[in-house]
Protein backbone atom coordinates (compact mmCIF):
# COMPACT_ATOMS: atom_id res chain seq x y z
CA UNK A 1 -0.09 -0.21 -0.25
CA UNK A 2 1.51 3.36 -0.88
CA UNK A 3 1.22 5.94 1.58
CA UNK A 4 -0.21 9.27 0.46
CA UNK A 5 0.41 12.13 2.98
CA UNK A 6 -2.07 15.10 2.99
CA UNK A 7 -1.28 18.00 5.28
CA UNK A 8 -4.82 19.93 5.19
CA UNK A 9 -3.32 22.39 7.59
CA UNK A 10 -0.63 23.47 5.26
CA UNK A 11 -2.42 25.55 2.79
CA UNK A 12 -0.51 27.28 0.00
CA UNK A 13 -0.93 29.16 -3.15
CA UNK A 14 -4.25 30.04 -5.10
CA UNK A 15 -4.88 27.88 -7.90
CA UNK A 16 -6.05 30.28 -10.47
CA UNK A 17 -8.79 29.39 -12.69
CA UNK A 18 -7.03 30.60 -15.54
CA UNK A 19 -4.32 27.69 -15.10
CA UNK A 20 -7.08 25.50 -17.07
CA UNK A 21 -7.25 27.84 -20.26
CA UNK A 22 -7.31 27.14 -23.79
CA UNK A 23 -6.36 28.53 -27.09
CA UNK A 24 -7.86 29.11 -30.21
CA UNK A 25 -6.03 30.38 -33.40
CA UNK A 26 -7.12 30.94 -36.98
CA UNK A 27 -5.71 27.41 -37.75
CA UNK A 28 -7.05 24.84 -39.78
CA UNK A 29 -10.72 23.83 -38.38
CA UNK A 30 -10.45 25.64 -35.07
CA UNK A 31 -12.59 28.65 -35.59
CA UNK A 32 -14.34 27.64 -38.73
CA UNK A 33 -16.40 24.55 -38.62
CA UNK A 34 -15.12 24.02 -34.96
CA UNK A 35 -16.37 26.94 -33.12
CA UNK A 36 -17.91 28.81 -35.77
CA UNK A 37 -20.37 27.83 -38.44
CA UNK A 38 -22.44 31.11 -39.40
CA UNK A 39 -25.60 32.08 -38.47
CA UNK A 40 -27.24 30.54 -41.74
CA UNK A 41 -25.55 27.02 -40.84
CA UNK A 42 -27.97 23.93 -40.69
CA UNK A 43 -25.96 22.87 -37.77
CA UNK A 44 -27.58 24.49 -34.39
CA UNK A 45 -25.89 27.53 -33.48
CA UNK A 46 -26.54 30.86 -31.37
CA UNK A 47 -25.13 33.78 -33.62
CA UNK A 48 -23.06 31.64 -35.30
CA UNK A 49 -21.57 29.76 -32.47
CA UNK A 50 -22.04 25.76 -32.43
CA UNK A 51 -24.43 24.96 -29.62
CA UNK A 52 -23.18 21.45 -29.10
CA UNK A 53 -19.37 22.91 -28.70
CA UNK A 54 -20.70 26.01 -26.30
CA UNK A 55 -22.41 23.44 -24.16
CA UNK A 56 -19.47 21.33 -23.72
CA UNK A 57 -17.25 23.97 -23.08
CA UNK A 58 -19.57 25.35 -20.27
CA UNK A 59 -19.83 21.85 -18.77
CA UNK A 60 -15.72 21.67 -18.66
CA UNK A 61 -16.00 25.11 -16.98
CA UNK A 62 -13.74 26.91 -19.51
CA UNK A 63 -12.11 30.01 -17.70
CA UNK A 64 -10.11 32.01 -20.63
CA UNK A 65 -9.60 31.69 -23.68
CA UNK A 66 -6.66 33.06 -25.71
CA UNK A 67 -7.28 34.58 -29.49
CA UNK A 68 -6.27 35.15 -32.55
CA UNK A 69 -3.19 33.08 -32.20
CA UNK A 70 -0.50 32.29 -32.24
CA UNK A 71 1.56 32.81 -35.51
CA UNK A 72 -1.55 34.42 -37.15
CA UNK A 73 -1.85 36.99 -34.36
CA UNK A 74 1.00 38.80 -35.80
CA UNK A 75 -0.35 39.03 -39.21
CA UNK A 76 -3.98 39.99 -38.09
CA UNK A 77 -5.41 43.39 -38.58
CA UNK A 78 -8.37 43.68 -36.20
CA UNK A 79 -10.06 46.08 -38.65
CA UNK A 80 -10.39 43.56 -41.45
CA UNK A 81 -12.46 41.54 -38.98
CA UNK A 82 -15.27 44.26 -37.95
CA UNK A 83 -18.29 45.59 -39.96
CA UNK A 84 -20.88 44.08 -42.23
CA UNK A 85 -19.39 40.66 -43.23
CA UNK A 86 -19.74 40.78 -46.70
CA UNK A 87 -17.67 43.63 -47.28
CA UNK A 88 -14.45 42.30 -44.77
CA UNK A 89 -11.28 41.77 -46.31
CA UNK A 90 -10.29 38.04 -47.58
CA UNK A 91 -6.72 37.09 -46.93
CA UNK A 92 -4.38 34.21 -47.42
CA UNK A 93 -3.45 32.53 -44.05
CA UNK A 94 0.37 32.19 -44.99
CA UNK A 95 1.04 30.50 -41.95
CA UNK A 96 -1.63 27.79 -41.54
CA UNK A 97 -2.46 26.07 -44.97
CA UNK A 98 -2.43 28.70 -47.39
CA UNK A 99 -6.39 29.02 -47.08
CA UNK A 100 -8.51 31.99 -47.56
CA UNK A 101 -9.24 33.72 -44.35
CA UNK A 102 -12.66 35.68 -44.88
CA UNK A 103 -12.65 37.58 -41.44
CA UNK A 104 -15.94 36.55 -40.88
CA UNK A 105 -14.95 35.44 -37.15
CA UNK A 106 -13.37 38.79 -35.60
CA UNK A 107 -13.66 40.83 -32.62
CA UNK A 108 -17.38 40.68 -32.35
CA UNK A 109 -17.66 37.17 -32.88
CA UNK A 110 -14.81 36.26 -30.62
CA UNK A 111 -16.46 38.44 -27.67
CA UNK A 112 -19.70 36.69 -28.17
CA UNK A 113 -18.38 33.55 -28.07
CA UNK A 114 -16.75 33.91 -24.68
CA UNK A 115 -20.38 35.70 -23.52
CA UNK A 116 -21.76 32.55 -24.39
CA UNK A 117 -19.22 30.11 -22.87
CA UNK A 118 -19.02 32.53 -19.76
CA UNK A 119 -15.04 32.86 -19.96
CA UNK A 120 -12.60 35.55 -19.85
CA UNK A 121 -11.37 36.76 -22.99
CA UNK A 122 -7.17 36.81 -23.54
CA UNK A 123 -6.12 38.77 -26.85
CA UNK A 124 -3.15 38.84 -28.59
CA UNK A 125 -2.00 41.90 -30.31
CA UNK A 126 -0.03 42.24 -33.46
CA UNK A 127 3.73 43.52 -32.81
CA UNK A 128 5.42 41.77 -35.65
CA UNK A 129 3.45 43.47 -38.29
CA UNK A 130 1.37 45.89 -36.93
CA UNK A 131 1.66 49.47 -35.78
CA UNK A 132 1.24 51.18 -32.08
CA UNK A 133 -1.62 52.98 -33.31
CA UNK A 134 -3.41 49.96 -34.30
CA UNK A 135 -2.92 48.26 -31.21
CA UNK A 136 -3.99 51.30 -29.29
CA UNK A 137 -6.92 51.76 -31.41
CA UNK A 138 -8.05 48.11 -30.75
CA UNK A 139 -8.03 48.32 -27.31
CA UNK A 140 -9.86 51.71 -27.16
CA UNK A 141 -12.25 49.91 -29.53
CA UNK A 142 -12.90 47.26 -27.33
CA UNK A 143 -13.05 48.88 -23.62
CA UNK A 144 -13.28 52.81 -24.17
CA UNK A 145 -16.76 54.36 -22.79
CA UNK A 146 -16.68 57.73 -23.83
CA UNK A 147 -16.45 59.85 -26.89
CA UNK A 148 -13.75 58.91 -29.36
CA UNK A 149 -13.50 57.59 -32.88
CA UNK A 150 -12.94 54.16 -32.20
CA UNK A 151 -15.84 54.03 -29.54
CA UNK A 152 -18.30 55.20 -32.16
CA UNK A 153 -17.07 52.74 -34.59
CA UNK A 154 -17.88 50.04 -32.13
CA UNK A 155 -21.02 51.29 -31.42
CA UNK A 156 -21.88 51.70 -35.15
CA UNK A 157 -20.73 48.07 -35.48
CA UNK A 158 -23.57 46.96 -33.19
CA UNK A 159 -21.89 47.01 -29.56
CA UNK A 160 -23.03 50.22 -27.54
CA UNK A 161 -21.38 49.27 -24.38
CA UNK A 162 -17.61 48.46 -24.05
CA UNK A 163 -16.44 44.97 -23.14
CA UNK A 164 -14.59 43.77 -20.31
CA UNK A 165 -11.38 42.73 -21.50
CA UNK A 166 -8.62 41.80 -18.70
CA UNK A 167 -5.99 40.02 -20.54
CA UNK A 168 -3.81 41.19 -23.34
CA UNK A 169 -0.72 39.93 -25.02
CA UNK A 170 1.96 42.16 -26.58
CA UNK A 171 2.44 39.90 -29.41
CA UNK A 172 3.47 36.46 -29.87
CA UNK A 173 6.67 34.65 -30.26
CA UNK A 174 8.47 37.49 -31.36
CA UNK A 175 11.48 35.29 -31.22
CA UNK A 176 10.45 33.47 -34.18
CA UNK A 177 7.15 33.69 -36.50
CA UNK A 178 6.27 37.51 -34.68
CA UNK A 179 9.47 39.17 -36.25
CA UNK A 180 12.49 36.96 -35.34
CA UNK A 181 13.50 39.62 -32.61
CA UNK A 182 16.26 39.34 -30.42
CA UNK A 183 15.35 39.85 -26.55
CA UNK A 184 16.95 43.12 -26.42
CA UNK A 185 14.94 44.48 -29.41
CA UNK A 186 12.14 42.91 -28.10
CA UNK A 187 12.34 44.54 -24.76
CA UNK A 188 12.43 47.94 -26.19
CA UNK A 189 9.59 47.31 -28.69
CA UNK A 190 7.68 45.83 -25.63
CA UNK A 191 8.16 48.98 -23.63
CA UNK A 192 7.05 51.28 -26.76
CA UNK A 193 3.86 49.51 -27.38
CA UNK A 194 2.68 48.47 -24.10
CA UNK A 195 2.51 52.34 -23.08
CA UNK A 196 -0.41 52.33 -25.26
CA UNK A 197 -2.18 49.38 -24.06
CA UNK A 198 -4.13 51.81 -21.58
CA UNK A 199 -6.75 51.19 -19.11
CA UNK A 200 -9.82 53.08 -19.81
CA UNK A 201 -12.51 53.52 -16.87
CA UNK A 202 -12.94 50.67 -14.81
CA UNK A 203 -11.40 47.97 -17.19
CA UNK A 204 -7.50 47.31 -16.10
CA UNK A 205 -5.65 45.05 -18.38
CA UNK A 206 -3.18 42.63 -17.50
CA UNK A 207 -0.41 42.81 -19.92
CA UNK A 208 1.28 39.68 -21.06
CA UNK A 209 4.79 40.28 -22.55
CA UNK A 210 6.20 37.40 -25.44
CA UNK A 211 8.35 35.35 -23.22
CA UNK A 212 10.60 32.28 -24.02
CA UNK A 213 10.21 29.27 -25.74
CA UNK A 214 11.18 26.34 -23.50
CA UNK A 215 14.95 26.49 -22.61
CA UNK A 216 15.66 30.08 -23.81
CA UNK A 217 16.63 31.61 -20.44
CA UNK A 218 18.85 34.35 -22.17
CA UNK A 219 15.26 35.74 -23.36
CA UNK A 220 13.79 35.89 -19.69
CA UNK A 221 17.03 37.23 -18.48
CA UNK A 222 17.27 39.94 -20.85
CA UNK A 223 13.36 40.81 -20.89
CA UNK A 224 13.18 40.91 -17.23
CA UNK A 225 16.16 43.01 -16.77
CA UNK A 226 15.11 45.62 -19.45
CA UNK A 227 11.45 45.50 -19.26
CA UNK A 228 10.21 43.50 -16.67
CA UNK A 229 8.66 46.37 -14.65
CA UNK A 230 6.05 46.98 -17.39
CA UNK A 231 4.28 43.91 -17.54
CA UNK A 232 2.01 41.73 -15.33
CA UNK A 233 2.80 38.40 -16.98
CA UNK A 234 5.32 36.86 -19.18
CA UNK A 235 4.71 33.62 -21.34
CA UNK A 236 6.32 30.59 -21.93
CA UNK A 237 5.76 28.18 -24.63
CA UNK A 238 6.72 24.36 -24.63
CA UNK A 239 5.16 21.51 -26.89
CA UNK A 240 5.70 17.45 -25.90
CA UNK A 241 6.70 15.43 -28.38
CA UNK A 242 7.62 11.61 -28.22
CA UNK A 243 11.12 12.45 -29.61
CA UNK A 244 11.74 15.61 -28.18
CA UNK A 245 12.26 17.18 -31.47
CA UNK A 246 9.19 18.85 -33.25
CA UNK A 247 11.01 18.59 -36.48
CA UNK A 248 10.79 14.32 -36.19
CA UNK A 249 7.58 13.88 -34.83
CA UNK A 250 5.94 10.65 -34.14
CA UNK A 251 2.21 9.04 -34.79
CA UNK A 252 -0.71 10.43 -32.35
CA UNK A 253 -2.16 6.85 -32.35
CA UNK A 254 0.26 4.48 -33.44
CA UNK A 255 2.88 4.13 -30.86
CA UNK A 256 5.03 2.03 -28.83
CA UNK A 257 5.24 1.68 -25.31
CA UNK A 258 8.83 3.12 -25.57
CA UNK A 259 7.19 6.21 -26.79
CA UNK A 260 4.28 6.38 -23.88
CA UNK A 261 7.36 6.72 -21.60
CA UNK A 262 9.56 8.96 -23.72
CA UNK A 263 6.64 11.44 -24.51
CA UNK A 264 5.88 11.67 -20.87
CA UNK A 265 9.74 12.11 -20.17
CA UNK A 266 9.63 15.18 -21.89
CA UNK A 267 6.16 16.65 -20.63
CA UNK A 268 8.20 16.42 -17.47
CA UNK A 269 10.50 18.79 -18.51
CA UNK A 270 7.63 21.49 -18.10
CA UNK A 271 8.46 21.39 -14.22
CA UNK A 272 12.23 22.29 -15.02
CA UNK A 273 11.45 25.13 -17.32
CA UNK A 274 8.80 26.99 -14.64
CA UNK A 275 11.48 26.70 -11.76
CA UNK A 276 14.27 28.04 -13.79
CA UNK A 277 12.54 30.85 -15.81
CA UNK A 278 10.67 31.65 -12.35
CA UNK A 279 13.95 31.71 -10.69
CA UNK A 280 15.35 34.53 -13.43
CA UNK A 281 12.00 36.22 -12.91
CA UNK A 282 12.50 36.53 -9.17
CA UNK A 283 15.87 37.89 -9.67
CA UNK A 284 14.45 41.37 -11.35
CA UNK A 285 11.07 40.76 -9.53
CA UNK A 286 11.74 39.79 -5.82
CA UNK A 287 7.91 40.30 -4.56
CA UNK A 288 6.60 38.10 -7.57
CA UNK A 289 4.50 40.75 -9.30
CA UNK A 290 4.90 39.48 -12.34
CA UNK A 291 3.35 35.98 -13.34
CA UNK A 292 4.44 33.22 -15.46
CA UNK A 293 1.80 32.43 -18.21
CA UNK A 294 2.28 29.09 -20.04
CA UNK A 295 0.06 30.06 -22.76
CA UNK A 296 0.90 27.36 -25.38
CA UNK A 297 1.48 23.82 -23.96
CA UNK A 298 0.53 20.20 -25.17
CA UNK A 299 1.21 17.53 -27.26
CA UNK A 300 2.42 17.92 -30.92
CA UNK A 301 2.33 14.76 -33.08
CA UNK A 302 1.97 14.08 -36.93
CA UNK A 303 -0.95 15.08 -38.67
CA UNK A 304 -3.95 12.52 -39.33
CA UNK A 305 -3.07 10.80 -42.77
CA UNK A 306 -5.21 12.62 -45.42
CA UNK A 307 -5.59 15.98 -43.70
CA UNK A 308 -3.71 19.11 -44.83
CA UNK A 309 -0.58 19.11 -42.91
CA UNK A 310 -1.05 22.90 -42.52
CA UNK A 311 -3.78 22.22 -40.52
CA UNK A 312 -2.40 20.44 -37.21
CA UNK A 313 -5.34 17.98 -37.27
CA UNK A 314 -4.32 15.06 -34.62
CA UNK A 315 -5.99 12.42 -32.61
CA UNK A 316 -5.91 12.46 -28.98
CA UNK A 317 -5.53 9.14 -27.02
CA UNK A 318 -5.18 8.07 -23.33
CA UNK A 319 -1.59 9.01 -23.55
CA UNK A 320 -2.59 12.81 -24.37
CA UNK A 321 -4.88 12.66 -21.12
CA UNK A 322 -1.64 11.60 -19.06
CA UNK A 323 0.22 14.34 -20.66
CA UNK A 324 -2.33 16.73 -19.63
CA UNK A 325 -2.77 15.59 -16.13
CA UNK A 326 0.92 15.75 -15.59
CA UNK A 327 1.13 19.33 -17.00
CA UNK A 328 -2.13 20.34 -14.87
CA UNK A 329 -0.61 19.06 -11.54
CA UNK A 330 2.56 20.45 -12.33
CA UNK A 331 0.87 23.82 -12.81
CA UNK A 332 -1.02 23.39 -9.57
CA UNK A 333 1.88 22.52 -7.65
CA UNK A 334 3.50 25.82 -9.16
CA UNK A 335 0.48 28.03 -8.78
CA UNK A 336 2.70 30.49 -6.83
CA UNK A 337 4.43 31.36 -10.19
CA UNK A 338 2.14 29.92 -12.90
CA UNK A 339 -0.97 32.29 -12.98
CA UNK A 340 -2.34 31.22 -16.20
CA UNK A 341 -1.98 28.58 -18.82
CA UNK A 342 -3.46 27.51 -22.13
CA UNK A 343 -3.41 24.17 -23.80
CA UNK A 344 -3.11 24.43 -27.72
CA UNK A 345 -5.41 24.12 -29.31
CA UNK A 346 -9.23 24.12 -28.71
CA UNK A 347 -10.73 22.38 -31.35
CA UNK A 348 -9.53 20.28 -34.14
CA UNK A 349 -5.83 21.40 -33.65
CA UNK A 350 -2.90 19.61 -31.62
CA UNK A 351 -4.10 18.30 -28.30
CA UNK A 352 -7.87 19.71 -28.73
CA UNK A 353 -10.65 18.81 -26.18
CA UNK A 354 -12.94 18.51 -29.01
CA UNK A 355 -13.27 17.09 -32.52
CA UNK A 356 -15.56 17.93 -35.02
CA UNK A 357 -16.82 16.54 -38.47
CA UNK A 358 -19.87 18.33 -39.82
CA UNK A 359 -22.56 18.46 -37.48
CA UNK A 360 -21.08 15.73 -35.33
CA UNK A 361 -18.89 16.29 -32.27
CA UNK A 362 -16.73 14.13 -30.26
CA UNK A 363 -14.87 14.93 -26.78
CA UNK A 364 -11.45 13.82 -26.79
CA UNK A 365 -9.60 11.97 -23.44
CA UNK A 366 -8.13 15.40 -22.80
CA UNK A 367 -11.62 17.14 -22.39
CA UNK A 368 -12.26 14.52 -20.10
CA UNK A 369 -9.10 15.80 -18.12
CA UNK A 370 -10.04 19.33 -17.84
CA UNK A 371 -13.51 18.19 -16.78
CA UNK A 372 -12.53 16.09 -13.96
CA UNK A 373 -9.97 18.37 -12.63
CA UNK A 374 -12.23 21.57 -13.04
CA UNK A 375 -13.03 21.60 -9.22
CA UNK A 376 -9.15 22.79 -8.80
CA UNK A 377 -10.17 26.21 -10.15
CA UNK A 378 -9.46 29.02 -7.63
CA UNK A 379 -9.27 26.34 -4.93
CA UNK A 380 -6.34 26.32 -2.61
CA UNK A 381 -3.09 24.19 -3.07
CA UNK A 382 -2.82 21.59 -0.11
CA UNK A 383 0.54 20.22 0.62
CA UNK A 384 1.02 16.64 -0.36
CA UNK A 385 3.44 13.99 -0.80
CA UNK A 386 3.79 10.34 -2.17
CA UNK A 387 7.08 8.55 -2.58
CA UNK A 388 7.73 7.56 -6.28
CA UNK A 389 9.69 5.30 -8.22
CA UNK A 390 11.15 5.77 -11.74
CA UNK A 391 9.64 3.73 -14.15
CA UNK A 392 10.01 3.15 -17.98
CA UNK A 393 11.61 0.37 -20.56
CA UNK A 394 15.09 2.59 -21.20
CA UNK A 395 17.15 3.95 -18.94
CA UNK A 396 17.41 7.34 -19.86
CA UNK A 397 13.75 7.53 -20.45
CA UNK A 398 12.08 6.98 -17.09
CA UNK A 399 9.33 8.87 -15.33
CA UNK A 400 7.88 9.19 -12.05
CA UNK A 401 5.33 6.49 -11.37
CA UNK A 402 2.44 8.94 -10.01
CA UNK A 403 1.78 12.52 -10.57
CA UNK A 404 -0.50 14.07 -8.01
CA UNK A 405 -2.13 17.41 -6.50
CA UNK A 406 -4.52 18.31 -3.92
CA UNK A 407 -6.57 21.70 -3.48
CA UNK A 408 -9.43 22.67 -1.21
CA UNK A 409 -12.21 25.08 -2.41
CA UNK A 410 -13.93 27.65 -0.14
CA UNK A 411 -16.90 25.06 0.94
CA UNK A 412 -14.22 22.68 2.10
CA UNK A 413 -14.11 20.29 -0.52
CA UNK A 414 -10.85 18.85 -1.24
CA UNK A 415 -9.92 17.75 -4.61
CA UNK A 416 -7.38 14.92 -5.19
CA UNK A 417 -6.09 14.55 -8.84
CA UNK A 418 -3.85 11.68 -9.43
CA UNK A 419 -2.14 9.86 -12.77
CA UNK A 420 -0.48 6.60 -12.83
CA UNK A 421 1.74 6.57 -15.59
CA UNK A 422 2.80 2.90 -15.42
CA UNK A 423 1.42 0.71 -18.37
CA UNK A 424 1.25 -2.50 -16.34
CA UNK A 425 1.08 -1.89 -12.36
CA UNK A 426 -1.91 -1.16 -10.19
CA UNK A 427 -0.93 0.88 -6.76
CA UNK A 428 -3.24 0.71 -3.72
CA UNK A 429 -3.36 4.05 -2.28
CA UNK A 430 -3.48 4.98 1.57
CA UNK A 431 -4.34 8.66 1.84
CA UNK A 432 -3.85 10.15 5.01
CA UNK A 433 -5.62 13.41 5.63
CA UNK A 434 -3.37 15.24 8.49
CA UNK A 435 -5.65 17.64 10.59
CA UNK A 436 -8.93 16.27 8.93
CA UNK A 437 -11.41 13.40 9.56
CA UNK A 438 -13.44 12.74 6.09
CA UNK A 439 -17.25 12.31 5.98
CA UNK A 440 -17.62 11.27 2.47
CA UNK A 441 -15.71 10.49 -0.71
CA UNK A 442 -16.32 9.92 -4.39
CA UNK A 443 -14.16 9.03 -7.23
CA UNK A 444 -13.88 8.80 -11.25
CA UNK A 445 -11.04 7.07 -13.20
CA UNK A 446 -10.08 7.62 -16.89
CA UNK A 447 -8.40 4.40 -18.20
CA UNK A 448 -8.36 2.07 -21.17
CA UNK A 449 -5.81 0.87 -23.50
CA UNK A 450 -2.59 3.21 -23.89
CA UNK A 451 -3.82 4.01 -27.42
CA UNK A 452 -7.40 4.33 -26.71
CA UNK A 453 -9.35 7.15 -28.37
CA UNK A 454 -12.67 8.21 -29.60
CA UNK A 455 -13.94 8.18 -32.99
CA UNK A 456 -16.93 9.31 -34.75
CA UNK A 457 -17.78 5.58 -35.27
CA UNK A 458 -17.00 5.07 -31.67
CA UNK A 459 -17.46 7.92 -29.91
CA UNK A 460 -17.51 7.14 -26.21
CA UNK A 461 -14.57 4.34 -26.48
CA UNK A 462 -12.98 6.24 -23.46
CA UNK A 463 -14.49 8.19 -20.98
CA UNK A 464 -14.64 8.57 -17.37
CA UNK A 465 -16.03 5.85 -14.88
CA UNK A 466 -16.87 5.65 -11.37
CA UNK A 467 -13.96 4.60 -8.89
CA UNK A 468 -14.44 2.97 -5.39
CA UNK A 469 -13.17 5.35 -2.81
CA UNK A 470 -13.29 3.97 0.83
CA UNK A 471 -13.34 6.39 3.58
CA UNK A 472 -11.41 5.37 6.56
CA UNK A 473 -10.48 6.83 10.07
CA UNK A 474 -7.61 8.23 8.82
CA UNK A 475 -8.41 9.27 5.19
CA UNK A 476 -8.91 7.43 2.24
CA UNK A 477 -8.25 4.08 0.34
CA UNK A 478 -8.32 3.33 -3.47
CA UNK A 479 -6.82 1.64 -6.18
CA UNK A 480 -5.00 3.55 -8.81
CA UNK A 481 -5.16 1.53 -11.90
CA UNK A 482 -2.25 1.18 -14.55
CA UNK A 483 -2.31 3.74 -16.97
CA UNK A 484 -4.94 5.84 -15.56
CA UNK A 485 -5.88 9.45 -14.30
CA UNK A 486 -8.04 9.52 -11.45
CA UNK A 487 -10.03 12.48 -9.75
CA UNK A 488 -11.45 11.86 -5.88
CA UNK A 489 -13.44 14.63 -4.24
CA UNK A 490 -13.81 14.65 -0.53
CA UNK A 491 -15.55 16.29 2.47
CA UNK A 492 -15.17 16.41 6.12
C-alpha cells in the first residue's frame, strides 16, 4: 500500500482558474467549423456559435480563451474583422495551410463566443507586422466608454457598451514567427507598445509580454532586466513530443510503449522550465508581481493521414490525457508562480478537447481531464506528498510512476487528482489526511488501452467511470489502476 500524505493544515497558493485556460487560433478547423459555423448554418447555433460545442465548453468550465493566435496574431489586422461581413477583407492565411481567411470571425464574434461560454477573453495584439496605433486603437475600440472615433466605430458596428477585457498579450513568439527579434530589441519594442495599451474607465488590463520558448533562459534574463517592470505576466511556450524534437514527430495513435514513456519524459521538462524561468524572474522581481503565463503547451504529433499538414489536425489518446494530467498537476504545484496556462488548441488542432466533423462532435480524452480537474479552479493548493519510483523501458527515458496534486475549495471540498503513468502496475493508495476527518468521498477514473481514443464511429470508447473509494479513520483508500487518471472529491 502506497502511503499518500495530505497535510490539510498546510494550505498554500491559490490555483487561479485561468491555469485551466485554452487557446484558439485561426488555424485549420479550430475557428471555422469548430467554434463558428455562421448564423445561416444548418448546424444548431446561436449567433453563429455551435450550440453543442458551447455547451461542452460550459460543462468543462472553460475559464479563459486566448485568440487570435499564435503566429496568426502577428499578421492579423483587427479592422479587417469588423463591420458588415460581406465587405470584410479576404486574405491568405500564410502561416497555416494557405487557405482563404474571410474574416467573418472577428472581435465581435470572439467576444460573443466568450459571452456564451462564460469565459474571460485573452487577446493577443499584433507586434510583428502591426503598428502602435493599430494596437492602441484596438484596445480603445474594445474597452473605451466615452466619445472617441474607435468607440463610435464600435457602436456603429452594433456594440453600444464596451466589453470587459482583462488579458492582453503584446505580441506572440516574437523570437520566431512574430518577427525573429532578439530579446534586447523586443524588450524595447514591448516597452513602446505596452505604453499605449491603456486602461479606460474601470477596465484594468493585465499585460502579458512575449516570453521564451522552453529553455531560452537568456530571453527571460534580458527581458526581465530591461522591461520586466512594465508587464504583469510573461509567457512561456513548450510543446511535448515523443522524440523531444518537433521536427521529427511521432504518430498520435500508432506508438510503442517506449514512446508512451518518452512522451511523458519530455512532458516532465515543463517543471524544470517553470522553476528555472521563475528563478530568473524573481531575480528582477523579488516580490513576485510578474506571473508566468504558459499560454501554449500540449502534445504535437503527426497530422492525421490524408489531412492538410498545415491544419495540424491530430487524434487524441489516453497518452494525451496522461500528458494533460501531468502538466495540470505541475501547474497546480507551482501556482505561486504560474497564474495562467492555455493548452493548444481548443478544437480540431493539436491537443484539442473537441473534434468535429460536419454536424458531429466528439469529446477527446483530454477534454475529460479538464472536466475531471475543474474543481481545482480557484481552490487553494494543499501540501501533499507520495513517494515515487522511476519507471520506463529505457534507462534514460524514465518518469515518476505517479503524478498528483490536492486542493481545497472555499466550501471545504478536497480535490485529489492523480495519474498512474505505469503501463502495467496498479497501486493501492492509502491517503492520510492530517488534521481532518473525512465524512464522504467519491471518485472517477479515466483508463483504457494506451492508444484508446474516441472516433466519430465510436465516440465513447474512452470516458470517465466511477472509482471505488473507501473512507477510513485516517483518510481514504482506493486503487490507482495502471495507465489511468483519477479524480477524488472528499468532504469532512
